[in-house]
Amino acid sequence: MPIVVDIDVMLARRKMSVGQLAERVGITPANLAVLKNGRAKAVRFATLAALCEALHCQPGDLLRFEAAEQPDAVPTTR
């Protein structure tokens, strides 16, 4: 998936555990792990806002776009 979740990076920077963050955000550690490991299909803006508030960061600190590698295009001739 081209969206990469960097919650683990922010957790390390803040020296916070998954359990502590889950408690502060109000979600289960299991649901936070799904999001953290990039297996979530969606995230509510309210959850994203709560994560940013708890980690004192911006949404871009938690989520980033990473384009898939595209093979070199082969020119076609006619």
C-alpha atoms as a PDB file:
ATOM      1  CA  MET A   1       0.000   0.000   0.000  1.00  0.00           C
ATOM      2  CA  PRO A   2       1.408   3.401  -0.887  1.00  0.00           C
ATOM      3  CA  ILE A   3       0.348   4.985   2.436  1.00  0.00           C
ATOM      4  CA  VAL A   4       2.941   4.310   5.138  1.00  0.00           C
ATOM      5  CA  VAL A   5       2.076   4.714   8.828  1.00  0.00           C
ATOM      6  CA  ASP A   6       4.896   6.028  11.016  1.00  0.00           C
ATOM      7  CA  ILE A   7       3.247   5.803  14.440  1.00  0.00           C
ATOM      8  CA  ASP A   8       6.102   3.640  15.695  1.00  0.00           C
ATOM      9  CA  VAL A   9       8.572   6.425  14.843  1.00  0.00           C
ATOM     10  CA  MET A  10       6.586   8.972  16.857  1.00  0.00           C
ATOM     11  CA  LEU A  11       6.170   6.507  19.727  1.00  0.00           C
ATOM     12  CA  ALA A  12       9.938   6.081  19.889  1.00  0.00           C
ATOM     13  CA  ARG A  13      10.514   9.842  19.744  1.00  0.00           C
ATOM     14  CA  ARG A  14       8.019  10.416  22.560  1.00  0.00           C
ATOM     15  CA  LYS A  15       9.270   7.387  24.535  1.00  0.00           C
ATOM     16  CA  MET A  16       5.710   6.125  24.797  1.00  0.00           C
ATOM     17  CA  SER A  17       4.359   2.579  24.630  1.00  0.00           C
ATOM     18  CA  VAL A  18       1.520   1.372  22.428  1.00  0.00           C
ATOM     19  CA  GLY A  19      -0.536   0.766  25.570  1.00  0.00           C
ATOM     20  CA  GLN A  20       0.002   4.306  26.835  1.00  0.00           C
ATOM     21  CA  LEU A  21      -0.942   5.809  23.466  1.00  0.00           C
ATOM     22  CA  ALA A  22      -4.024   3.589  23.127  1.00  0.00           C
ATOM     23  CA  GLU A  23      -5.202   4.691  26.572  1.00  0.00           C
ATOM     24  CA  ARG A  24      -4.664   8.382  25.793  1.00  0.00           C
ATOM     25  CA  VAL A  25      -6.429   8.108  22.432  1.00  0.00           C
ATOM     26  CA  GLY A  26      -9.267   5.927  23.694  1.00  0.00           C
ATOM     27  CA  ILE A  27      -8.843   2.932  21.400  1.00  0.00           C
ATOM     28  CA  THR A  28      -7.820  -0.632  22.120  1.00  0.00           C
ATOM     29  CA  PRO A  29      -4.150  -1.596  21.852  1.00  0.00           C
ATOM     30  CA  ALA A  30      -5.196  -4.196  19.246  1.00  0.00           C
ATOM     31  CA  ASN A  31      -6.823  -1.548  17.022  1.00  0.00           C
ATOM     32  CA  LEU A  32      -3.815   0.717  17.442  1.00  0.00           C
ATOM     33  CA  ALA A  33      -1.542  -2.170  16.433  1.00  0.00           C
ATOM     34  CA  VAL A  34      -3.603  -2.717  13.253  1.00  0.00           C
ATOM     35  CA  LEU A  35      -3.147   0.949  12.373  1.00  0.00           C
ATOM     36  CA  LYS A  36       0.520   1.022  13.411  1.00  0.00           C
ATOM     37  CA  ASN A  37       1.383  -2.047  11.332  1.00  0.00           C
ATOM     38  CA  GLY A  38      -0.234  -0.632   8.201  1.00  0.00           C
ATOM     39  CA  ARG A  39      -3.051  -3.189   8.064  1.00  0.00           C
ATOM     40  CA  ALA A  40      -5.885  -0.671   8.530  1.00  0.00           C
ATOM     41  CA  LYS A  41      -8.055   0.122   5.522  1.00  0.00           C
ATOM     42  CA  ALA A  42      -9.207   3.472   6.950  1.00  0.00           C
ATOM     43  CA  VAL A  43      -8.748   5.808   9.877  1.00  0.00           C
ATOM     44  CA  ARG A  44     -11.322   8.237  11.236  1.00  0.00           C
ATOM     45  CA  PHE A  45     -10.318  11.876  11.335  1.00  0.00           C
ATOM     46  CA  ALA A  46     -11.320  11.927  15.013  1.00  0.00           C
ATOM     47  CA  THR A  47      -8.846   9.109  15.702  1.00  0.00           C
ATOM     48  CA  LEU A  48      -6.135  10.823  13.667  1.00  0.00           C
ATOM     49  CA  ALA A  49      -6.749  14.065  15.578  1.00  0.00           C
ATOM     50  CA  ALA A  50      -6.564  12.236  18.915  1.00  0.00           C
ATOM     51  CA  LEU A  51      -3.293  10.567  17.861  1.00  0.00           C
ATOM     52  CA  CYS A  52      -1.828  13.929  16.874  1.00  0.00           C
ATOM     53  CA  GLU A  53      -2.941  15.500  20.149  1.00  0.00           C
ATOM     54  CA  ALA A  54      -1.495  12.673  22.246  1.00  0.00           C
ATOM     55  CA  LEU A  55       1.793  12.628  20.312  1.00  0.00           C
ATOM     56  CA  HIS A  56       2.022  16.437  19.867  1.00  0.00           C
ATOM     57  CA  CYS A  57       2.489  16.115  16.118  1.00  0.00           C
ATOM     58  CA  GLN A  58       0.889  16.782  12.748  1.00  0.00           C
ATOM     59  CA  PRO A  59      -0.934  14.194  10.571  1.00  0.00           C
ATOM     60  CA  GLY A  60       2.000  14.281   8.142  1.00  0.00           C
ATOM     61  CA  ASP A  61       4.257  13.052  10.940  1.00  0.00           C
ATOM     62  CA  LEU A  62       2.146   9.883  11.149  1.00  0.00           C
ATOM     63  CA  LEU A  63       1.179   9.241   7.519  1.00  0.00           C
ATOM     64  CA  ARG A  64       3.164   9.517   4.307  1.00  0.00           C
ATOM     65  CA  PHE A  65       2.719   8.556   0.678  1.00  0.00           C
ATOM     66  CA  GLU A  66       5.311   6.271  -0.877  1.00  0.00           C
ATOM     67  CA  ALA A  67       4.791   5.671  -4.576  1.00  0.00           C
ATOM     68  CA  ALA A  68       5.231   2.148  -5.853  1.00  0.00           C
ATOM     69  CA  GLU A  69       8.249   1.554  -8.035  1.00  0.00           C
ATOM     70  CA  GLN A  70       7.312   1.790 -11.688  1.00  0.00           C
ATOM     71  CA  PRO A  71       9.370  -0.169 -14.219  1.00  0.00           C
ATOM     72  CA  ASP A  72      10.965   1.972 -16.912  1.00  0.00           C
ATOM     73  CA  ALA A  73       8.494   2.572 -19.670  1.00  0.00           C
ATOM     74  CA  VAL A  74       9.386   0.964 -22.957  1.00  0.00           C
ATOM     75  CA  PRO A  75       8.733   3.354 -25.841  1.00  0.00           C
ATOM     76  CA  THR A  76       6.545   2.007 -28.578  1.00  0.00           C
ATOM     77  CA  THR A  77       7.140   2.730 -32.258  1.00  0.00           C
ATOM     78  CA  ARG A  78       4.583   2.724 -35.006  1.00  0.00           C
END
